[in-house]
Amino acid sequence: MEPSILMNLTRSRILHMLVTTGPATGPDICSALCLADAAGEKALGELVVAGIVCISGASPGHFGSTYVNDAPEIFREMAQFRRGLGLEI
């Protein structure tokens, strides 16, 4: 995964919401973050493709599905990014 996936405000806000509040549907995420559905759907799709967010529920690939974060993957990616910047923990 390219580090730039985590360097987008919309994707970062979505990740923060999923990490802090837990699973949510696409429409609920957009409503909570005041995002247009199209912007939220695009960002969620990118996060799913990157493997940071997973779709849970009966209708994978449908915007109304429930999205969950893969916290261990997020922490691995952030650690890799910090190492890349020379910011060892």
PDB file of N, CA and C in Angstrom:
ATOM      1  N   MET A   1       0.835  -1.176   0.000  1.00  0.00           N
ATOM      2  CA  MET A   1       0.000   0.000   0.000  1.00  0.00           C
ATOM      3  C   MET A   1       0.879   1.238   0.000  1.00  0.00           C
ATOM      4  N   GLU A   2       0.484   2.210  -0.749  1.00  0.00           N
ATOM      5  CA  GLU A   2       1.237   3.455  -0.779  1.00  0.00           C
ATOM      6  C   GLU A   2       0.885   4.312   0.441  1.00  0.00           C
ATOM      7  N   PRO A   3       1.881   4.935   1.065  1.00  0.00           N
ATOM      8  CA  PRO A   3       1.622   5.748   2.258  1.00  0.00           C
ATOM      9  C   PRO A   3       0.625   6.875   2.018  1.00  0.00           C
ATOM     10  N   SER A   4       0.494   7.350   0.782  1.00  0.00           N
ATOM     11  CA  SER A   4      -0.396   8.476   0.515  1.00  0.00           C
ATOM     12  C   SER A   4      -1.858   8.155   0.824  1.00  0.00           C
ATOM     13  N   ILE A   5      -2.213   6.888   0.933  1.00  0.00           N
ATOM     14  CA  ILE A   5      -3.598   6.534   1.256  1.00  0.00           C
ATOM     15  C   ILE A   5      -4.002   7.135   2.598  1.00  0.00           C
ATOM     16  N   LEU A   6      -3.054   7.312   3.496  1.00  0.00           N
ATOM     17  CA  LEU A   6      -3.347   7.863   4.815  1.00  0.00           C
ATOM     18  C   LEU A   6      -3.188   9.377   4.866  1.00  0.00           C
ATOM     19  N   MET A   7      -2.797   9.990   3.754  1.00  0.00           N
ATOM     20  CA  MET A   7      -2.528  11.428   3.750  1.00  0.00           C
ATOM     21  C   MET A   7      -3.602  12.208   3.004  1.00  0.00           C
ATOM     22  N   ASN A   8      -4.842  11.855   3.231  1.00  0.00           N
ATOM     23  CA  ASN A   8      -5.980  12.524   2.629  1.00  0.00           C
ATOM     24  C   ASN A   8      -6.949  12.847   3.754  1.00  0.00           C
ATOM     25  N   LEU A   9      -7.407  14.073   3.818  1.00  0.00           N
ATOM     26  CA  LEU A   9      -8.244  14.508   4.936  1.00  0.00           C
ATOM     27  C   LEU A   9      -9.532  13.700   5.057  1.00  0.00           C
ATOM     28  N   THR A  10     -10.198  13.461   3.943  1.00  0.00           N
ATOM     29  CA  THR A  10     -11.451  12.712   3.994  1.00  0.00           C
ATOM     30  C   THR A  10     -11.210  11.290   4.494  1.00  0.00           C
ATOM     31  N   ARG A  11     -10.220  10.600   3.919  1.00  0.00           N
ATOM     32  CA  ARG A  11      -9.926   9.232   4.357  1.00  0.00           C
ATOM     33  C   ARG A  11      -9.486   9.208   5.816  1.00  0.00           C
ATOM     34  N   SER A  12      -8.688  10.188   6.221  1.00  0.00           N
ATOM     35  CA  SER A  12      -8.235  10.255   7.621  1.00  0.00           C
ATOM     36  C   SER A  12      -9.399  10.460   8.575  1.00  0.00           C
ATOM     37  N   ARG A  13     -10.336  11.321   8.207  1.00  0.00           N
ATOM     38  CA  ARG A  13     -11.507  11.559   9.059  1.00  0.00           C
ATOM     39  C   ARG A  13     -12.362  10.298   9.170  1.00  0.00           C
ATOM     40  N   ILE A  14     -12.524   9.594   8.066  1.00  0.00           N
ATOM     41  CA  ILE A  14     -13.297   8.348   8.096  1.00  0.00           C
ATOM     42  C   ILE A  14     -12.609   7.323   8.993  1.00  0.00           C
ATOM     43  N   LEU A  15     -11.303   7.163   8.841  1.00  0.00           N
ATOM     44  CA  LEU A  15     -10.556   6.231   9.680  1.00  0.00           C
ATOM     45  C   LEU A  15     -10.684   6.590  11.155  1.00  0.00           C
ATOM     46  N   HIS A  16     -10.531   7.869  11.441  1.00  0.00           N
ATOM     47  CA  HIS A  16     -10.638   8.313  12.832  1.00  0.00           C
ATOM     48  C   HIS A  16     -12.017   7.963  13.390  1.00  0.00           C
ATOM     49  N   MET A  17     -13.049   8.198  12.614  1.00  0.00           N
ATOM     50  CA  MET A  17     -14.399   7.877  13.081  1.00  0.00           C
ATOM     51  C   MET A  17     -14.549   6.381  13.337  1.00  0.00           C
ATOM     52  N   LEU A  18     -14.091   5.558  12.410  1.00  0.00           N
ATOM     53  CA  LEU A  18     -14.240   4.110  12.575  1.00  0.00           C
ATOM     54  C   LEU A  18     -13.419   3.581  13.745  1.00  0.00           C
ATOM     55  N   VAL A  19     -12.243   4.163  13.966  1.00  0.00           N
ATOM     56  CA  VAL A  19     -11.401   3.728  15.087  1.00  0.00           C
ATOM     57  C   VAL A  19     -12.023   4.145  16.417  1.00  0.00           C
ATOM     58  N   THR A  20     -12.566   5.352  16.476  1.00  0.00           N
ATOM     59  CA  THR A  20     -13.058   5.863  17.758  1.00  0.00           C
ATOM     60  C   THR A  20     -14.497   5.462  18.083  1.00  0.00           C
ATOM     61  N   THR A  21     -15.339   5.298  17.060  1.00  0.00           N
ATOM     62  CA  THR A  21     -16.740   4.999  17.347  1.00  0.00           C
ATOM     63  C   THR A  21     -17.174   3.612  16.914  1.00  0.00           C
ATOM     64  N   GLY A  22     -16.345   2.923  16.154  1.00  0.00           N
ATOM     65  CA  GLY A  22     -16.699   1.572  15.728  1.00  0.00           C
ATOM     66  C   GLY A  22     -17.362   1.541  14.362  1.00  0.00           C
ATOM     67  N   PRO A  23     -17.868   0.372  13.983  1.00  0.00           N
ATOM     68  CA  PRO A  23     -18.463   0.177  12.656  1.00  0.00           C
ATOM     69  C   PRO A  23     -19.606   1.148  12.374  1.00  0.00           C
ATOM     70  N   ALA A  24     -19.746   1.494  11.096  1.00  0.00           N
ATOM     71  CA  ALA A  24     -20.819   2.393  10.674  1.00  0.00           C
ATOM     72  C   ALA A  24     -21.119   2.146   9.197  1.00  0.00           C
ATOM     73  N   THR A  25     -22.328   2.484   8.794  1.00  0.00           N
ATOM     74  CA  THR A  25     -22.684   2.365   7.381  1.00  0.00           C
ATOM     75  C   THR A  25     -22.123   3.564   6.622  1.00  0.00           C
ATOM     76  N   GLY A  26     -22.021   3.429   5.304  1.00  0.00           N
ATOM     77  CA  GLY A  26     -21.558   4.536   4.479  1.00  0.00           C
ATOM     78  C   GLY A  26     -22.386   5.803   4.676  1.00  0.00           C
ATOM     79  N   PRO A  27     -23.721   5.701   4.608  1.00  0.00           N
ATOM     80  CA  PRO A  27     -24.537   6.901   4.814  1.00  0.00           C
ATOM     81  C   PRO A  27     -24.357   7.509   6.212  1.00  0.00           C
ATOM     82  N   ASP A  28     -24.201   6.661   7.237  1.00  0.00           N
ATOM     83  CA  ASP A  28     -23.992   7.187   8.594  1.00  0.00           C
ATOM     84  C   ASP A  28     -22.663   7.923   8.699  1.00  0.00           C
ATOM     85  N   ILE A  29     -21.641   7.394   8.047  1.00  0.00           N
ATOM     86  CA  ILE A  29     -20.325   8.045   8.051  1.00  0.00           C
ATOM     87  C   ILE A  29     -20.424   9.410   7.377  1.00  0.00           C
ATOM     88  N   CYS A  30     -21.051   9.445   6.222  1.00  0.00           N
ATOM     89  CA  CYS A  30     -21.186  10.709   5.487  1.00  0.00           C
ATOM     90  C   CYS A  30     -21.986  11.729   6.281  1.00  0.00           C
ATOM     91  N   SER A  31     -23.036  11.277   6.924  1.00  0.00           N
ATOM     92  CA  SER A  31     -23.858  12.184   7.719  1.00  0.00           C
ATOM     93  C   SER A  31     -23.066  12.743   8.899  1.00  0.00           C
ATOM     94  N   ALA A  32     -22.368  11.873   9.614  1.00  0.00           N
ATOM     95  CA  ALA A  32     -21.610  12.299  10.795  1.00  0.00           C
ATOM     96  C   ALA A  32     -20.472  13.257  10.444  1.00  0.00           C
ATOM     97  N   LEU A  33     -19.873  13.052   9.270  1.00  0.00           N
ATOM     98  CA  LEU A  33     -18.715  13.861   8.882  1.00  0.00           C
ATOM     99  C   LEU A  33     -19.073  14.981   7.900  1.00  0.00           C
ATOM    100  N   CYS A  34     -20.366  15.143   7.634  1.00  0.00           N
ATOM    101  CA  CYS A  34     -20.834  16.169   6.691  1.00  0.00           C
ATOM    102  C   CYS A  34     -20.159  16.037   5.330  1.00  0.00           C
ATOM    103  N   LEU A  35     -20.144  14.817   4.820  1.00  0.00           N
ATOM    104  CA  LEU A  35     -19.557  14.534   3.510  1.00  0.00           C
ATOM    105  C   LEU A  35     -20.665  14.272   2.501  1.00  0.00           C
ATOM    106  N   ALA A  36     -20.421  14.654   1.266  1.00  0.00           N
ATOM    107  CA  ALA A  36     -21.318  14.255   0.188  1.00  0.00           C
ATOM    108  C   ALA A  36     -21.194  12.739   0.022  1.00  0.00           C
ATOM    109  N   ASP A  37     -22.305  12.076  -0.303  1.00  0.00           N
ATOM    110  CA  ASP A  37     -22.273  10.621  -0.451  1.00  0.00           C
ATOM    111  C   ASP A  37     -21.199  10.175  -1.451  1.00  0.00           C
ATOM    112  N   ALA A  38     -21.079  10.903  -2.563  1.00  0.00           N
ATOM    113  CA  ALA A  38     -20.098  10.521  -3.583  1.00  0.00           C
ATOM    114  C   ALA A  38     -18.670  10.567  -3.033  1.00  0.00           C
ATOM    115  N   ALA A  39     -18.357  11.604  -2.255  1.00  0.00           N
ATOM    116  CA  ALA A  39     -17.014  11.733  -1.676  1.00  0.00           C
ATOM    117  C   ALA A  39     -16.763  10.624  -0.661  1.00  0.00           C
ATOM    118  N   GLY A  40     -17.760  10.344   0.169  1.00  0.00           N
ATOM    119  CA  GLY A  40     -17.616   9.288   1.164  1.00  0.00           C
ATOM    120  C   GLY A  40     -17.474   7.925   0.525  1.00  0.00           C
ATOM    121  N   GLU A  41     -18.276   7.668  -0.490  1.00  0.00           N
ATOM    122  CA  GLU A  41     -18.210   6.382  -1.174  1.00  0.00           C
ATOM    123  C   GLU A  41     -16.852   6.176  -1.838  1.00  0.00           C
ATOM    124  N   LYS A  42     -16.327   7.232  -2.458  1.00  0.00           N
ATOM    125  CA  LYS A  42     -15.017   7.145  -3.110  1.00  0.00           C
ATOM    126  C   LYS A  42     -13.927   6.873  -2.078  1.00  0.00           C
ATOM    127  N   ALA A  43     -13.933   7.621  -0.975  1.00  0.00           N
ATOM    128  CA  ALA A  43     -12.906   7.451   0.059  1.00  0.00           C
ATOM    129  C   ALA A  43     -13.000   6.074   0.703  1.00  0.00           C
ATOM    130  N   LEU A  44     -14.217   5.617   0.985  1.00  0.00           N
ATOM    131  CA  LEU A  44     -14.383   4.287   1.575  1.00  0.00           C
ATOM    132  C   LEU A  44     -13.896   3.207   0.617  1.00  0.00           C
ATOM    133  N   GLY A  45     -14.192   3.368  -0.654  1.00  0.00           N
ATOM    134  CA  GLY A  45     -13.719   2.405  -1.652  1.00  0.00           C
ATOM    135  C   GLY A  45     -12.201   2.325  -1.684  1.00  0.00           C
ATOM    136  N   GLU A  46     -11.551   3.474  -1.605  1.00  0.00           N
ATOM    137  CA  GLU A  46     -10.085   3.500  -1.596  1.00  0.00           C
ATOM    138  C   GLU A  46      -9.531   2.829  -0.336  1.00  0.00           C
ATOM    139  N   LEU A  47     -10.181   3.049   0.796  1.00  0.00           N
ATOM    140  CA  LEU A  47      -9.734   2.433   2.048  1.00  0.00           C
ATOM    141  C   LEU A  47      -9.945   0.918   2.028  1.00  0.00           C
ATOM    142  N   VAL A  48     -11.025   0.477   1.387  1.00  0.00           N
ATOM    143  CA  VAL A  48     -11.283  -0.960   1.263  1.00  0.00           C
ATOM    144  C   VAL A  48     -10.232  -1.600   0.362  1.00  0.00           C
ATOM    145  N   VAL A  49      -9.973  -0.983  -0.781  1.00  0.00           N
ATOM    146  CA  VAL A  49      -8.968  -1.508  -1.715  1.00  0.00           C
ATOM    147  C   VAL A  49      -7.598  -1.587  -1.041  1.00  0.00           C
ATOM    148  N   ALA A  50      -7.278  -0.594  -0.195  1.00  0.00           N
ATOM    149  CA  ALA A  50      -5.987  -0.570   0.504  1.00  0.00           C
ATOM    150  C   ALA A  50      -5.925  -1.600   1.631  1.00  0.00           C
ATOM    151  N   GLY A  51      -7.080  -2.166   2.005  1.00  0.00           N
ATOM    152  CA  GLY A  51      -7.098  -3.175   3.051  1.00  0.00           C
ATOM    153  C   GLY A  51      -7.151  -2.615   4.463  1.00  0.00           C
ATOM    154  N   ILE A  52      -7.418  -1.337   4.598  1.00  0.00           N
ATOM    155  CA  ILE A  52      -7.466  -0.717   5.924  1.00  0.00           C
ATOM    156  C   ILE A  52      -8.870  -0.789   6.499  1.00  0.00           C
ATOM    157  N   VAL A  53      -9.867  -0.778   5.632  1.00  0.00           N
ATOM    158  CA  VAL A  53     -11.261  -0.864   6.047  1.00  0.00           C
ATOM    159  C   VAL A  53     -11.869  -2.087   5.372  1.00  0.00           C
ATOM    160  N   CYS A  54     -12.705  -2.788   6.105  1.00  0.00           N
ATOM    161  CA  CYS A  54     -13.387  -3.965   5.570  1.00  0.00           C
ATOM    162  C   CYS A  54     -14.886  -3.708   5.545  1.00  0.00           C
ATOM    163  N   ILE A  55     -15.564  -4.431   4.658  1.00  0.00           N
ATOM    164  CA  ILE A  55     -17.019  -4.343   4.596  1.00  0.00           C
ATOM    165  C   ILE A  55     -17.580  -5.536   5.350  1.00  0.00           C
ATOM    166  N   SER A  56     -18.499  -5.233   6.249  1.00  0.00           N
ATOM    167  CA  SER A  56     -19.153  -6.267   7.042  1.00  0.00           C
ATOM    168  C   SER A  56     -20.630  -6.238   6.708  1.00  0.00           C
ATOM    169  N   GLY A  57     -21.252  -7.369   6.687  1.00  0.00           N
ATOM    170  CA  GLY A  57     -22.690  -7.385   6.437  1.00  0.00           C
ATOM    171  C   GLY A  57     -23.045  -8.186   5.211  1.00  0.00           C
ATOM    172  N   ALA A  58     -24.294  -8.137   4.856  1.00  0.00           N
ATOM    173  CA  ALA A  58     -24.829  -8.999   3.814  1.00  0.00           C
ATOM    174  C   ALA A  58     -24.604  -8.493   2.394  1.00  0.00           C
ATOM    175  N   SER A  59     -24.233  -7.239   2.233  1.00  0.00           N
ATOM    176  CA  SER A  59     -24.143  -6.711   0.870  1.00  0.00           C
ATOM    177  C   SER A  59     -22.807  -6.033   0.593  1.00  0.00           C
ATOM    178  N   PRO A  60     -21.703  -6.816   0.573  1.00  0.00           N
ATOM    179  CA  PRO A  60     -20.399  -6.211   0.271  1.00  0.00           C
ATOM    180  C   PRO A  60     -20.430  -5.443  -1.047  1.00  0.00           C
ATOM    181  N   GLY A  61     -19.771  -4.311  -1.074  1.00  0.00           N
ATOM    182  CA  GLY A  61     -19.723  -3.487  -2.268  1.00  0.00           C
ATOM    183  C   GLY A  61     -20.885  -2.524  -2.383  1.00  0.00           C
ATOM    184  N   HIS A  62     -21.844  -2.615  -1.488  1.00  0.00           N
ATOM    185  CA  HIS A  62     -22.980  -1.691  -1.481  1.00  0.00           C
ATOM    186  C   HIS A  62     -22.706  -0.607  -0.453  1.00  0.00           C
ATOM    187  N   PHE A  63     -22.878   0.641  -0.837  1.00  0.00           N
ATOM    188  CA  PHE A  63     -22.547   1.785   0.020  1.00  0.00           C
ATOM    189  C   PHE A  63     -23.258   1.731   1.370  1.00  0.00           C
ATOM    190  N   GLY A  64     -24.433   1.130   1.433  1.00  0.00           N
ATOM    191  CA  GLY A  64     -25.183   1.031   2.678  1.00  0.00           C
ATOM    192  C   GLY A  64     -24.664  -0.044   3.615  1.00  0.00           C
ATOM    193  N   SER A  65     -23.657  -0.789   3.191  1.00  0.00           N
ATOM    194  CA  SER A  65     -23.073  -1.825   4.041  1.00  0.00           C
ATOM    195  C   SER A  65     -22.395  -1.205   5.251  1.00  0.00           C
ATOM    196  N   THR A  66     -22.088  -2.041   6.223  1.00  0.00           N
ATOM    197  CA  THR A  66     -21.374  -1.570   7.403  1.00  0.00           C
ATOM    198  C   THR A  66     -19.879  -1.689   7.154  1.00  0.00           C
ATOM    199  N   TYR A  67     -19.159  -0.625   7.444  1.00  0.00           N
ATOM    200  CA  TYR A  67     -17.712  -0.579   7.265  1.00  0.00           C
ATOM    201  C   TYR A  67     -17.044  -0.678   8.632  1.00  0.00           C
ATOM    202  N   VAL A  68     -15.985  -1.454   8.708  1.00  0.00           N
ATOM    203  CA  VAL A  68     -15.220  -1.599   9.945  1.00  0.00           C
ATOM    204  C   VAL A  68     -13.752  -1.407   9.617  1.00  0.00           C
ATOM    205  N   ASN A  69     -13.002  -0.897  10.582  1.00  0.00           N
ATOM    206  CA  ASN A  69     -11.570  -0.729  10.344  1.00  0.00           C
ATOM    207  C   ASN A  69     -10.827  -1.991  10.765  1.00  0.00           C
ATOM    208  N   ASP A  70      -9.675  -2.169  10.163  1.00  0.00           N
ATOM    209  CA  ASP A  70      -8.793  -3.273  10.529  1.00  0.00           C
ATOM    210  C   ASP A  70      -7.675  -2.641  11.342  1.00  0.00           C
ATOM    211  N   ALA A  71      -7.923  -2.427  12.630  1.00  0.00           N
ATOM    212  CA  ALA A  71      -7.001  -1.677  13.487  1.00  0.00           C
ATOM    213  C   ALA A  71      -5.554  -2.176  13.412  1.00  0.00           C
ATOM    214  N   PRO A  72      -5.303  -3.472  13.481  1.00  0.00           N
ATOM    215  CA  PRO A  72      -3.897  -3.898  13.399  1.00  0.00           C
ATOM    216  C   PRO A  72      -3.225  -3.437  12.108  1.00  0.00           C
ATOM    217  N   GLU A  73      -3.948  -3.483  10.992  1.00  0.00           N
ATOM    218  CA  GLU A  73      -3.387  -3.026   9.717  1.00  0.00           C
ATOM    219  C   GLU A  73      -3.091  -1.530   9.774  1.00  0.00           C
ATOM    220  N   ILE A  74      -3.978  -0.762  10.375  1.00  0.00           N
ATOM    221  CA  ILE A  74      -3.757   0.677  10.487  1.00  0.00           C
ATOM    222  C   ILE A  74      -2.474   0.947  11.259  1.00  0.00           C
ATOM    223  N   PHE A  75      -2.304   0.258  12.379  1.00  0.00           N
ATOM    224  CA  PHE A  75      -1.119   0.494  13.194  1.00  0.00           C
ATOM    225  C   PHE A  75       0.155   0.081  12.462  1.00  0.00           C
ATOM    226  N   ARG A  76       0.094  -1.012  11.702  1.00  0.00           N
ATOM    227  CA  ARG A  76       1.266  -1.423  10.912  1.00  0.00           C
ATOM    228  C   ARG A  76       1.593  -0.368   9.864  1.00  0.00           C
ATOM    229  N   GLU A  77       0.570   0.126   9.174  1.00  0.00           N
ATOM    230  CA  GLU A  77       0.791   1.127   8.131  1.00  0.00           C
ATOM    231  C   GLU A  77       1.336   2.429   8.720  1.00  0.00           C
ATOM    232  N   MET A  78       0.797   2.844   9.858  1.00  0.00           N
ATOM    233  CA  MET A  78       1.285   4.078  10.480  1.00  0.00           C
ATOM    234  C   MET A  78       2.722   3.912  10.960  1.00  0.00           C
ATOM    235  N   ALA A  79       3.059   2.752  11.491  1.00  0.00           N
ATOM    236  CA  ALA A  79       4.434   2.503  11.921  1.00  0.00           C
ATOM    237  C   ALA A  79       5.371   2.527  10.716  1.00  0.00           C
ATOM    238  N   GLN A  80       4.935   1.924   9.603  1.00  0.00           N
ATOM    239  CA  GLN A  80       5.751   1.929   8.387  1.00  0.00           C
ATOM    240  C   GLN A  80       5.949   3.363   7.894  1.00  0.00           C
ATOM    241  N   PHE A  81       4.909   4.146   7.929  1.00  0.00           N
ATOM    242  CA  PHE A  81       4.989   5.539   7.497  1.00  0.00           C
ATOM    243  C   PHE A  81       5.952   6.326   8.394  1.00  0.00           C
ATOM    244  N   ARG A  82       5.842   6.122   9.720  1.00  0.00           N
ATOM    245  CA  ARG A  82       6.737   6.821  10.654  1.00  0.00           C
ATOM    246  C   ARG A  82       8.191   6.414  10.409  1.00  0.00           C
ATOM    247  N   ARG A  83       8.429   5.130  10.160  1.00  0.00           N
ATOM    248  CA  ARG A  83       9.799   4.678   9.867  1.00  0.00           C
ATOM    249  C   ARG A  83      10.316   5.361   8.605  1.00  0.00           C
ATOM    250  N   GLY A  84       9.438   5.477   7.604  1.00  0.00           N
ATOM    251  CA  GLY A  84       9.802   6.126   6.354  1.00  0.00           C
ATOM    252  C   GLY A  84      10.203   7.580   6.544  1.00  0.00           C
ATOM    253  N   LEU A  85       9.594   8.221   7.532  1.00  0.00           N
ATOM    254  CA  LEU A  85       9.935   9.611   7.844  1.00  0.00           C
ATOM    255  C   LEU A  85      11.094   9.729   8.817  1.00  0.00           C
ATOM    256  N   GLY A  86      11.585   8.586   9.285  1.00  0.00           N
ATOM    257  CA  GLY A  86      12.669   8.616  10.268  1.00  0.00           C
ATOM    258  C   GLY A  86      12.181   8.932  11.667  1.00  0.00           C
ATOM    259  N   LEU A  87      10.919   8.656  11.947  1.00  0.00           N
ATOM    260  CA  LEU A  87      10.331   8.947  13.251  1.00  0.00           C
ATOM    261  C   LEU A  87      10.103   7.652  14.029  1.00  0.00           C
ATOM    262  N   GLU A  88      11.146   6.890  14.244  1.00  0.00           N
ATOM    263  CA  GLU A  88      11.014   5.619  14.964  1.00  0.00           C
ATOM    264  C   GLU A  88      10.359   5.819  16.308  1.00  0.00           C
ATOM    265  N   ILE A  89       9.505   4.901  16.664  1.00  0.00           N
ATOM    266  CA  ILE A  89       8.807   4.978  17.957  1.00  0.00           C
ATOM    267  C   ILE A  89       9.697   4.420  19.041  1.00  0.00           C
TER     268      ILE A  89
END
